[in-house]
């Protein structure tokens, strides 16, 4: 039996992407609490809608360069976070206090 490895890899990648997007959508829909973008780890930042590994790293980099965020609106300076993305994550973001976000 001949197995086309390239096709198998492509299908496996597509399935992984689909499962990841489904999990991310479900997690966002059930997110409770807030993430303090001034103290959160990369993993905690990834609880936010639309934030994956690369965007979390970009948030951490801007936080370090700026010495912290003084307002939630400053997140718009992160590449990939525009007005729509900011509004989607706004209910789950704070700049002070504890990170209390959890997926239910």
PDB file of N, CA and C in Angstrom:
ATOM      1  N   UNK A   1       0.842  -1.175   0.000  1.00  0.00           N
ATOM      2  CA  UNK A   1       0.000   0.000   0.000  1.00  0.00           C
ATOM      3  C   UNK A   1       0.890   1.242   0.000  1.00  0.00           C
ATOM      4  N   UNK A   2       0.634   2.135  -0.943  1.00  0.00           N
ATOM      5  CA  UNK A   2       1.428   3.358  -1.071  1.00  0.00           C
ATOM      6  C   UNK A   2       0.758   4.491  -0.286  1.00  0.00           C
ATOM      7  N   UNK A   3       1.501   5.099   0.609  1.00  0.00           N
ATOM      8  CA  UNK A   3       0.978   6.204   1.407  1.00  0.00           C
ATOM      9  C   UNK A   3       1.664   7.482   0.954  1.00  0.00           C
ATOM     10  N   UNK A   4       0.876   8.448   0.561  1.00  0.00           N
ATOM     11  CA  UNK A   4       1.410   9.735   0.147  1.00  0.00           C
ATOM     12  C   UNK A   4       1.670  10.555   1.416  1.00  0.00           C
ATOM     13  N   UNK A   5       2.926  10.582   1.823  1.00  0.00           N
ATOM     14  CA  UNK A   5       3.282  11.227   3.099  1.00  0.00           C
ATOM     15  C   UNK A   5       2.960  12.715   3.113  1.00  0.00           C
ATOM     16  N   UNK A   6       3.161  13.374   1.985  1.00  0.00           N
ATOM     17  CA  UNK A   6       2.874  14.804   1.927  1.00  0.00           C
ATOM     18  C   UNK A   6       1.385  15.063   2.178  1.00  0.00           C
ATOM     19  N   UNK A   7       0.547  14.222   1.572  1.00  0.00           N
ATOM     20  CA  UNK A   7      -0.890  14.389   1.751  1.00  0.00           C
ATOM     21  C   UNK A   7      -1.302  14.100   3.198  1.00  0.00           C
ATOM     22  N   UNK A   8      -0.699  13.079   3.788  1.00  0.00           N
ATOM     23  CA  UNK A   8      -0.998  12.744   5.180  1.00  0.00           C
ATOM     24  C   UNK A   8      -0.598  13.895   6.094  1.00  0.00           C
ATOM     25  N   UNK A   9       0.588  14.480   5.853  1.00  0.00           N
ATOM     26  CA  UNK A   9       1.029  15.622   6.662  1.00  0.00           C
ATOM     27  C   UNK A   9       0.092  16.804   6.498  1.00  0.00           C
ATOM     28  N   UNK A  10      -0.331  17.065   5.262  1.00  0.00           N
ATOM     29  CA  UNK A  10      -1.242  18.179   5.007  1.00  0.00           C
ATOM     30  C   UNK A  10      -2.565  17.973   5.731  1.00  0.00           C
ATOM     31  N   UNK A  11      -3.100  16.768   5.639  1.00  0.00           N
ATOM     32  CA  UNK A  11      -4.363  16.472   6.328  1.00  0.00           C
ATOM     33  C   UNK A  11      -4.209  16.554   7.846  1.00  0.00           C
ATOM     34  N   UNK A  12      -3.094  16.063   8.354  1.00  0.00           N
ATOM     35  CA  UNK A  12      -2.846  16.125   9.797  1.00  0.00           C
ATOM     36  C   UNK A  12      -2.738  17.572  10.258  1.00  0.00           C
ATOM     37  N   UNK A  13      -2.058  18.392   9.475  1.00  0.00           N
ATOM     38  CA  UNK A  13      -1.923  19.816   9.821  1.00  0.00           C
ATOM     39  C   UNK A  13      -3.269  20.518   9.801  1.00  0.00           C
ATOM     40  N   UNK A  14      -4.072  20.213   8.785  1.00  0.00           N
ATOM     41  CA  UNK A  14      -5.393  20.831   8.687  1.00  0.00           C
ATOM     42  C   UNK A  14      -6.274  20.431   9.867  1.00  0.00           C
ATOM     43  N   UNK A  15      -6.211  19.168  10.245  1.00  0.00           N
ATOM     44  CA  UNK A  15      -6.996  18.689  11.380  1.00  0.00           C
ATOM     45  C   UNK A  15      -6.546  19.359  12.676  1.00  0.00           C
ATOM     46  N   UNK A  16      -5.239  19.474  12.870  1.00  0.00           N
ATOM     47  CA  UNK A  16      -4.711  20.124  14.071  1.00  0.00           C
ATOM     48  C   UNK A  16      -5.141  21.585  14.122  1.00  0.00           C
ATOM     49  N   UNK A  17      -5.101  22.269  12.990  1.00  0.00           N
ATOM     50  CA  UNK A  17      -5.522  23.666  12.936  1.00  0.00           C
ATOM     51  C   UNK A  17      -7.001  23.787  13.265  1.00  0.00           C
ATOM     52  N   UNK A  18      -7.802  22.929  12.679  1.00  0.00           N
ATOM     53  CA  UNK A  18      -9.233  22.952  12.939  1.00  0.00           C
ATOM     54  C   UNK A  18      -9.542  22.699  14.407  1.00  0.00           C
ATOM     55  N   UNK A  19      -8.896  21.709  14.982  1.00  0.00           N
ATOM     56  CA  UNK A  19      -9.118  21.404  16.404  1.00  0.00           C
ATOM     57  C   UNK A  19      -8.649  22.552  17.283  1.00  0.00           C
ATOM     58  N   UNK A  20      -7.543  23.170  16.928  1.00  0.00           N
ATOM     59  CA  UNK A  20      -7.030  24.308  17.693  1.00  0.00           C
ATOM     60  C   UNK A  20      -7.970  25.487  17.641  1.00  0.00           C
ATOM     61  N   UNK A  21      -8.490  25.787  16.462  1.00  0.00           N
ATOM     62  CA  UNK A  21      -9.426  26.901  16.333  1.00  0.00           C
ATOM     63  C   UNK A  21     -10.713  26.623  17.091  1.00  0.00           C
ATOM     64  N   UNK A  22     -11.192  25.406  17.040  1.00  0.00           N
ATOM     65  CA  UNK A  22     -12.402  25.038  17.768  1.00  0.00           C
ATOM     66  C   UNK A  22     -12.190  25.172  19.267  1.00  0.00           C
ATOM     67  N   UNK A  23     -11.049  24.707  19.753  1.00  0.00           N
ATOM     68  CA  UNK A  23     -10.754  24.805  21.182  1.00  0.00           C
ATOM     69  C   UNK A  23     -10.610  26.258  21.601  1.00  0.00           C
ATOM     70  N   UNK A  24      -9.945  27.063  20.777  1.00  0.00           N
ATOM     71  CA  UNK A  24      -9.760  28.473  21.110  1.00  0.00           C
ATOM     72  C   UNK A  24     -11.096  29.198  21.150  1.00  0.00           C
ATOM     73  N   UNK A  25     -11.965  28.909  20.196  1.00  0.00           N
ATOM     74  CA  UNK A  25     -13.282  29.538  20.172  1.00  0.00           C
ATOM     75  C   UNK A  25     -14.094  29.135  21.388  1.00  0.00           C
ATOM     76  N   UNK A  26     -14.059  27.868  21.719  1.00  0.00           N
ATOM     77  CA  UNK A  26     -14.804  27.392  22.881  1.00  0.00           C
ATOM     78  C   UNK A  26     -14.250  28.001  24.161  1.00  0.00           C
ATOM     79  N   UNK A  27     -12.926  28.081  24.265  1.00  0.00           N
ATOM     80  CA  UNK A  27     -12.310  28.640  25.465  1.00  0.00           C
ATOM     81  C   UNK A  27     -12.683  30.105  25.626  1.00  0.00           C
ATOM     82  N   UNK A  28     -12.670  30.858  24.537  1.00  0.00           N
ATOM     83  CA  UNK A  28     -13.011  32.269  24.599  1.00  0.00           C
ATOM     84  C   UNK A  28     -14.458  32.454  25.025  1.00  0.00           C
ATOM     85  N   UNK A  29     -15.338  31.611  24.509  1.00  0.00           N
ATOM     86  CA  UNK A  29     -16.756  31.739  24.834  1.00  0.00           C
ATOM     87  C   UNK A  29     -17.007  31.496  26.318  1.00  0.00           C
ATOM     88  N   UNK A  30     -16.174  30.703  26.969  1.00  0.00           N
ATOM     89  CA  UNK A  30     -16.371  30.352  28.362  1.00  0.00           C
ATOM     90  C   UNK A  30     -15.376  31.034  29.302  1.00  0.00           C
ATOM     91  N   UNK A  31     -14.723  32.073  28.838  1.00  0.00           N
ATOM     92  CA  UNK A  31     -13.731  32.765  29.652  1.00  0.00           C
ATOM     93  C   UNK A  31     -14.424  33.633  30.699  1.00  0.00           C
ATOM     94  N   UNK A  32     -14.019  33.458  31.935  1.00  0.00           N
ATOM     95  CA  UNK A  32     -14.555  34.245  33.050  1.00  0.00           C
ATOM     96  C   UNK A  32     -13.388  34.935  33.735  1.00  0.00           C
ATOM     97  N   UNK A  33     -13.609  36.136  34.218  1.00  0.00           N
ATOM     98  CA  UNK A  33     -12.570  36.871  34.921  1.00  0.00           C
ATOM     99  C   UNK A  33     -11.753  37.743  33.986  1.00  0.00           C
ATOM    100  N   UNK A  34     -10.647  38.262  34.519  1.00  0.00           N
ATOM    101  CA  UNK A  34      -9.807  39.195  33.772  1.00  0.00           C
ATOM    102  C   UNK A  34      -8.353  38.758  33.784  1.00  0.00           C
ATOM    103  N   UNK A  35      -7.617  39.258  32.794  1.00  0.00           N
ATOM    104  CA  UNK A  35      -6.178  39.046  32.703  1.00  0.00           C
ATOM    105  C   UNK A  35      -5.509  40.397  32.896  1.00  0.00           C
ATOM    106  N   UNK A  36      -4.628  40.489  33.880  1.00  0.00           N
ATOM    107  CA  UNK A  36      -3.867  41.717  34.088  1.00  0.00           C
ATOM    108  C   UNK A  36      -2.692  41.678  33.123  1.00  0.00           C
ATOM    109  N   UNK A  37      -2.751  42.524  32.098  1.00  0.00           N
ATOM    110  CA  UNK A  37      -1.713  42.508  31.062  1.00  0.00           C
ATOM    111  C   UNK A  37      -0.376  43.035  31.567  1.00  0.00           C
ATOM    112  N   UNK A  38      -0.348  43.618  32.756  1.00  0.00           N
ATOM    113  CA  UNK A  38       0.913  44.096  33.332  1.00  0.00           C
ATOM    114  C   UNK A  38       1.649  43.032  34.141  1.00  0.00           C
ATOM    115  N   UNK A  39       0.958  41.948  34.491  1.00  0.00           N
ATOM    116  CA  UNK A  39       1.594  40.911  35.304  1.00  0.00           C
ATOM    117  C   UNK A  39       1.439  39.506  34.726  1.00  0.00           C
ATOM    118  N   UNK A  40       0.598  39.340  33.721  1.00  0.00           N
ATOM    119  CA  UNK A  40       0.271  38.017  33.203  1.00  0.00           C
ATOM    120  C   UNK A  40       1.450  37.354  32.509  1.00  0.00           C
ATOM    121  N   UNK A  41       1.492  36.039  32.622  1.00  0.00           N
ATOM    122  CA  UNK A  41       2.465  35.229  31.883  1.00  0.00           C
ATOM    123  C   UNK A  41       1.962  35.070  30.448  1.00  0.00           C
ATOM    124  N   UNK A  42       2.806  34.532  29.585  1.00  0.00           N
ATOM    125  CA  UNK A  42       2.400  34.268  28.204  1.00  0.00           C
ATOM    126  C   UNK A  42       1.198  33.329  28.169  1.00  0.00           C
ATOM    127  N   UNK A  43       1.210  32.339  29.041  1.00  0.00           N
ATOM    128  CA  UNK A  43       0.100  31.384  29.078  1.00  0.00           C
ATOM    129  C   UNK A  43      -1.205  32.064  29.492  1.00  0.00           C
ATOM    130  N   UNK A  44      -1.136  32.959  30.455  1.00  0.00           N
ATOM    131  CA  UNK A  44      -2.345  33.679  30.887  1.00  0.00           C
ATOM    132  C   UNK A  44      -2.836  34.617  29.790  1.00  0.00           C
ATOM    133  N   UNK A  45      -1.917  35.274  29.091  1.00  0.00           N
ATOM    134  CA  UNK A  45      -2.308  36.171  28.000  1.00  0.00           C
ATOM    135  C   UNK A  45      -3.034  35.398  26.900  1.00  0.00           C
ATOM    136  N   UNK A  46      -2.663  34.140  26.702  1.00  0.00           N
ATOM    137  CA  UNK A  46      -3.286  33.327  25.660  1.00  0.00           C
ATOM    138  C   UNK A  46      -4.719  32.937  25.990  1.00  0.00           C
ATOM    139  N   UNK A  47      -5.176  33.224  27.187  1.00  0.00           N
ATOM    140  CA  UNK A  47      -6.586  33.022  27.517  1.00  0.00           C
ATOM    141  C   UNK A  47      -7.464  34.069  26.828  1.00  0.00           C
ATOM    142  N   UNK A  48      -6.861  35.197  26.459  1.00  0.00           N
ATOM    143  CA  UNK A  48      -7.616  36.282  25.837  1.00  0.00           C
ATOM    144  C   UNK A  48      -8.024  35.918  24.419  1.00  0.00           C
ATOM    145  N   UNK A  49      -9.200  36.373  23.987  1.00  0.00           N
ATOM    146  CA  UNK A  49      -9.651  36.094  22.625  1.00  0.00           C
ATOM    147  C   UNK A  49      -8.678  36.667  21.600  1.00  0.00           C
ATOM    148  N   UNK A  50      -8.283  35.844  20.647  1.00  0.00           N
ATOM    149  CA  UNK A  50      -7.404  36.287  19.570  1.00  0.00           C
ATOM    150  C   UNK A  50      -5.935  36.327  19.916  1.00  0.00           C
ATOM    151  N   UNK A  51      -5.561  35.864  21.101  1.00  0.00           N
ATOM    152  CA  UNK A  51      -4.159  35.895  21.515  1.00  0.00           C
ATOM    153  C   UNK A  51      -3.603  34.477  21.547  1.00  0.00           C
ATOM    154  N   UNK A  52      -2.620  34.254  20.676  1.00  0.00           N
ATOM    155  CA  UNK A  52      -1.904  32.985  20.649  1.00  0.00           C
ATOM    156  C   UNK A  52      -0.479  33.221  21.127  1.00  0.00           C
ATOM    157  N   UNK A  53       0.396  32.295  20.820  1.00  0.00           N
ATOM    158  CA  UNK A  53       1.786  32.390  21.289  1.00  0.00           C
ATOM    159  C   UNK A  53       2.487  33.640  20.793  1.00  0.00           C
ATOM    160  N   UNK A  54       2.388  33.926  19.497  1.00  0.00           N
ATOM    161  CA  UNK A  54       3.132  35.059  18.938  1.00  0.00           C
ATOM    162  C   UNK A  54       2.584  36.401  19.429  1.00  0.00           C
ATOM    163  N   UNK A  55       1.280  36.520  19.521  1.00  0.00           N
ATOM    164  CA  UNK A  55       0.706  37.781  20.004  1.00  0.00           C
ATOM    165  C   UNK A  55       0.992  37.967  21.494  1.00  0.00           C
ATOM    166  N   UNK A  56       0.979  36.882  22.266  1.00  0.00           N
ATOM    167  CA  UNK A  56       1.335  36.969  23.691  1.00  0.00           C
ATOM    168  C   UNK A  56       2.783  37.442  23.832  1.00  0.00           C
ATOM    169  N   UNK A  57       3.667  36.911  23.001  1.00  0.00           N
ATOM    170  CA  UNK A  57       5.073  37.332  23.039  1.00  0.00           C
ATOM    171  C   UNK A  57       5.200  38.803  22.682  1.00  0.00           C
ATOM    172  N   UNK A  58       4.412  39.270  21.722  1.00  0.00           N
ATOM    173  CA  UNK A  58       4.449  40.686  21.327  1.00  0.00           C
ATOM    174  C   UNK A  58       3.930  41.581  22.456  1.00  0.00           C
ATOM    175  N   UNK A  59       2.905  41.125  23.167  1.00  0.00           N
ATOM    176  CA  UNK A  59       2.383  41.889  24.314  1.00  0.00           C
ATOM    177  C   UNK A  59       3.457  41.980  25.394  1.00  0.00           C
ATOM    178  N   UNK A  60       4.110  40.864  25.679  1.00  0.00           N
ATOM    179  CA  UNK A  60       5.172  40.857  26.693  1.00  0.00           C
ATOM    180  C   UNK A  60       6.322  41.774  26.297  1.00  0.00           C
ATOM    181  N   UNK A  61       6.670  41.766  25.021  1.00  0.00           N
ATOM    182  CA  UNK A  61       7.757  42.623  24.542  1.00  0.00           C
ATOM    183  C   UNK A  61       7.403  44.103  24.696  1.00  0.00           C
ATOM    184  N   UNK A  62       6.189  44.485  24.291  1.00  0.00           N
ATOM    185  CA  UNK A  62       5.770  45.880  24.432  1.00  0.00           C
ATOM    186  C   UNK A  62       5.690  46.267  25.904  1.00  0.00           C
ATOM    187  N   UNK A  63       5.188  45.364  26.736  1.00  0.00           N
ATOM    188  CA  UNK A  63       5.100  45.637  28.172  1.00  0.00           C
ATOM    189  C   UNK A  63       6.476  45.933  28.746  1.00  0.00           C
ATOM    190  N   UNK A  64       7.468  45.133  28.359  1.00  0.00           N
ATOM    191  CA  UNK A  64       8.825  45.334  28.857  1.00  0.00           C
ATOM    192  C   UNK A  64       9.404  46.657  28.357  1.00  0.00           C
ATOM    193  N   UNK A  65       9.225  46.941  27.065  1.00  0.00           N
ATOM    194  CA  UNK A  65       9.761  48.180  26.486  1.00  0.00           C
ATOM    195  C   UNK A  65       9.132  49.423  27.108  1.00  0.00           C
ATOM    196  N   UNK A  66       7.817  49.359  27.333  1.00  0.00           N
ATOM    197  CA  UNK A  66       7.082  50.528  27.832  1.00  0.00           C
ATOM    198  C   UNK A  66       7.094  50.636  29.350  1.00  0.00           C
ATOM    199  N   UNK A  67       7.566  49.596  30.013  1.00  0.00           N
ATOM    200  CA  UNK A  67       7.526  49.612  31.470  1.00  0.00           C
ATOM    201  C   UNK A  67       6.129  49.370  32.007  1.00  0.00           C
ATOM    202  N   UNK A  68       5.312  48.690  31.236  1.00  0.00           N
ATOM    203  CA  UNK A  68       3.944  48.386  31.649  1.00  0.00           C
ATOM    204  C   UNK A  68       2.944  49.198  30.860  1.00  0.00           C
ATOM    205  N   UNK A  69       1.700  48.757  30.924  1.00  0.00           N
ATOM    206  CA  UNK A  69       0.610  49.442  30.224  1.00  0.00           C
ATOM    207  C   UNK A  69      -0.078  50.398  31.196  1.00  0.00           C
ATOM    208  N   UNK A  70      -0.314  51.604  30.728  1.00  0.00           N
ATOM    209  CA  UNK A  70      -1.024  52.584  31.541  1.00  0.00           C
ATOM    210  C   UNK A  70      -2.514  52.607  31.226  1.00  0.00           C
ATOM    211  N   UNK A  71      -2.882  52.027  30.069  1.00  0.00           N
ATOM    212  CA  UNK A  71      -4.289  51.918  29.692  1.00  0.00           C
ATOM    213  C   UNK A  71      -4.468  50.690  28.808  1.00  0.00           C
ATOM    214  N   UNK A  72      -5.668  50.163  28.781  1.00  0.00           N
ATOM    215  CA  UNK A  72      -5.985  49.009  27.943  1.00  0.00           C
ATOM    216  C   UNK A  72      -5.806  49.367  26.473  1.00  0.00           C
ATOM    217  N   UNK A  73      -6.088  50.601  26.110  1.00  0.00           N
ATOM    218  CA  UNK A  73      -5.985  51.054  24.728  1.00  0.00           C
ATOM    219  C   UNK A  73      -4.574  50.903  24.159  1.00  0.00           C
ATOM    220  N   UNK A  74      -3.561  50.892  25.008  1.00  0.00           N
ATOM    221  CA  UNK A  74      -2.179  50.740  24.548  1.00  0.00           C
ATOM    222  C   UNK A  74      -1.943  49.379  23.887  1.00  0.00           C
ATOM    223  N   UNK A  75      -2.815  48.419  24.142  1.00  0.00           N
ATOM    224  CA  UNK A  75      -2.692  47.117  23.476  1.00  0.00           C
ATOM    225  C   UNK A  75      -2.825  47.241  21.967  1.00  0.00           C
ATOM    226  N   UNK A  76      -3.459  48.298  21.495  1.00  0.00           N
ATOM    227  CA  UNK A  76      -3.605  48.518  20.053  1.00  0.00           C
ATOM    228  C   UNK A  76      -2.247  48.757  19.384  1.00  0.00           C
ATOM    229  N   UNK A  77      -1.210  49.023  20.153  1.00  0.00           N
ATOM    230  CA  UNK A  77       0.135  49.198  19.607  1.00  0.00           C
ATOM    231  C   UNK A  77       0.780  47.863  19.250  1.00  0.00           C
ATOM    232  N   UNK A  78       0.187  46.769  19.701  1.00  0.00           N
ATOM    233  CA  UNK A  78       0.705  45.434  19.401  1.00  0.00           C
ATOM    234  C   UNK A  78       0.259  45.054  18.001  1.00  0.00           C
ATOM    235  N   UNK A  79       1.199  44.591  17.181  1.00  0.00           N
ATOM    236  CA  UNK A  79       0.875  44.182  15.824  1.00  0.00           C
ATOM    237  C   UNK A  79      -0.196  43.095  15.860  1.00  0.00           C
ATOM    238  N   UNK A  80      -1.256  43.312  15.072  1.00  0.00           N
ATOM    239  CA  UNK A  80      -2.337  42.335  15.006  1.00  0.00           C
ATOM    240  C   UNK A  80      -3.500  42.635  15.929  1.00  0.00           C
ATOM    241  N   UNK A  81      -3.341  43.608  16.817  1.00  0.00           N
ATOM    242  CA  UNK A  81      -4.454  44.000  17.687  1.00  0.00           C
ATOM    243  C   UNK A  81      -4.979  45.340  17.198  1.00  0.00           C
ATOM    244  N   UNK A  82      -6.081  45.276  16.496  1.00  0.00           N
ATOM    245  CA  UNK A  82      -6.734  46.483  16.009  1.00  0.00           C
ATOM    246  C   UNK A  82      -7.942  46.803  16.867  1.00  0.00           C
ATOM    247  N   UNK A  83      -8.765  47.698  16.364  1.00  0.00           N
ATOM    248  CA  UNK A  83      -9.942  48.138  17.125  1.00  0.00           C
ATOM    249  C   UNK A  83     -10.898  46.988  17.422  1.00  0.00           C
ATOM    250  N   UNK A  84     -11.127  46.132  16.443  1.00  0.00           N
ATOM    251  CA  UNK A  84     -12.075  45.030  16.632  1.00  0.00           C
ATOM    252  C   UNK A  84     -11.530  44.021  17.647  1.00  0.00           C
ATOM    253  N   UNK A  85     -10.272  43.641  17.492  1.00  0.00           N
ATOM    254  CA  UNK A  85      -9.663  42.684  18.429  1.00  0.00           C
ATOM    255  C   UNK A  85      -9.632  43.255  19.838  1.00  0.00           C
ATOM    256  N   UNK A  86      -9.330  44.533  19.959  1.00  0.00           N
ATOM    257  CA  UNK A  86      -9.278  45.171  21.272  1.00  0.00           C
ATOM    258  C   UNK A  86     -10.653  45.153  21.933  1.00  0.00           C
ATOM    259  N   UNK A  87     -11.689  45.430  21.175  1.00  0.00           N
ATOM    260  CA  UNK A  87     -13.040  45.424  21.744  1.00  0.00           C
ATOM    261  C   UNK A  87     -13.458  44.017  22.161  1.00  0.00           C
ATOM    262  N   UNK A  88     -13.007  42.998  21.426  1.00  0.00           N
ATOM    263  CA  UNK A  88     -13.336  41.618  21.760  1.00  0.00           C
ATOM    264  C   UNK A  88     -12.668  41.193  23.067  1.00  0.00           C
ATOM    265  N   UNK A  89     -11.454  41.687  23.306  1.00  0.00           N
ATOM    266  CA  UNK A  89     -10.752  41.271  24.520  1.00  0.00           C
ATOM    267  C   UNK A  89     -10.971  42.217  25.701  1.00  0.00           C
ATOM    268  N   UNK A  90     -11.458  43.421  25.441  1.00  0.00           N
ATOM    269  CA  UNK A  90     -11.608  44.444  26.488  1.00  0.00           C
ATOM    270  C   UNK A  90     -12.310  43.957  27.760  1.00  0.00           C
ATOM    271  N   UNK A  91     -13.407  43.192  27.672  1.00  0.00           N
ATOM    272  CA  UNK A  91     -14.077  42.762  28.907  1.00  0.00           C
ATOM    273  C   UNK A  91     -13.216  41.848  29.790  1.00  0.00           C
ATOM    274  N   UNK A  92     -12.148  41.315  29.210  1.00  0.00           N
ATOM    275  CA  UNK A  92     -11.317  40.350  29.926  1.00  0.00           C
ATOM    276  C   UNK A  92      -9.938  40.895  30.290  1.00  0.00           C
ATOM    277  N   UNK A  93      -9.742  42.208  30.087  1.00  0.00           N
ATOM    278  CA  UNK A  93      -8.421  42.803  30.306  1.00  0.00           C
ATOM    279  C   UNK A  93      -8.477  43.841  31.417  1.00  0.00           C
ATOM    280  N   UNK A  94      -7.431  43.839  32.241  1.00  0.00           N
ATOM    281  CA  UNK A  94      -7.255  44.886  33.241  1.00  0.00           C
ATOM    282  C   UNK A  94      -5.774  45.248  33.271  1.00  0.00           C
ATOM    283  N   UNK A  95      -5.474  46.407  33.838  1.00  0.00           N
ATOM    284  CA  UNK A  95      -4.074  46.826  33.962  1.00  0.00           C
ATOM    285  C   UNK A  95      -3.640  46.868  35.423  1.00  0.00           C
ATOM    286  N   UNK A  96      -4.536  46.492  36.312  1.00  0.00           N
ATOM    287  CA  UNK A  96      -4.177  46.433  37.731  1.00  0.00           C
ATOM    288  C   UNK A  96      -4.954  45.312  38.413  1.00  0.00           C
ATOM    289  N   UNK A  97      -4.476  44.923  39.566  1.00  0.00           N
ATOM    290  CA  UNK A  97      -5.122  43.828  40.291  1.00  0.00           C
ATOM    291  C   UNK A  97      -4.625  42.476  39.844  1.00  0.00           C
ATOM    292  N   UNK A  98      -5.323  41.445  40.294  1.00  0.00           N
ATOM    293  CA  UNK A  98      -4.917  40.063  40.012  1.00  0.00           C
ATOM    294  C   UNK A  98      -5.529  39.555  38.720  1.00  0.00           C
ATOM    295  N   UNK A  99      -4.832  38.628  38.084  1.00  0.00           N
ATOM    296  CA  UNK A  99      -5.401  37.881  36.977  1.00  0.00           C
ATOM    297  C   UNK A  99      -6.326  36.827  37.578  1.00  0.00           C
ATOM    298  N   UNK A 100      -7.578  36.895  37.182  1.00  0.00           N
ATOM    299  CA  UNK A 100      -8.578  35.952  37.714  1.00  0.00           C
ATOM    300  C   UNK A 100      -9.191  35.114  36.613  1.00  0.00           C
ATOM    301  N   UNK A 101      -8.733  35.286  35.383  1.00  0.00           N
ATOM    302  CA  UNK A 101      -9.334  34.603  34.240  1.00  0.00           C
ATOM    303  C   UNK A 101      -9.204  33.092  34.379  1.00  0.00           C
ATOM    304  N   UNK A 102     -10.278  32.440  33.961  1.00  0.00           N
ATOM    305  CA  UNK A 102     -10.299  30.978  33.925  1.00  0.00           C
ATOM    306  C   UNK A 102     -11.333  30.568  32.887  1.00  0.00           C
ATOM    307  N   UNK A 103     -11.144  29.406  32.349  1.00  0.00           N
ATOM    308  CA  UNK A 103     -12.070  28.860  31.375  1.00  0.00           C
ATOM    309  C   UNK A 103     -13.024  27.932  32.099  1.00  0.00           C
ATOM    310  N   UNK A 104     -14.300  28.151  31.907  1.00  0.00           N
ATOM    311  CA  UNK A 104     -15.307  27.303  32.572  1.00  0.00           C
ATOM    312  C   UNK A 104     -15.982  26.410  31.572  1.00  0.00           C
TER     313      UNK A 104
END
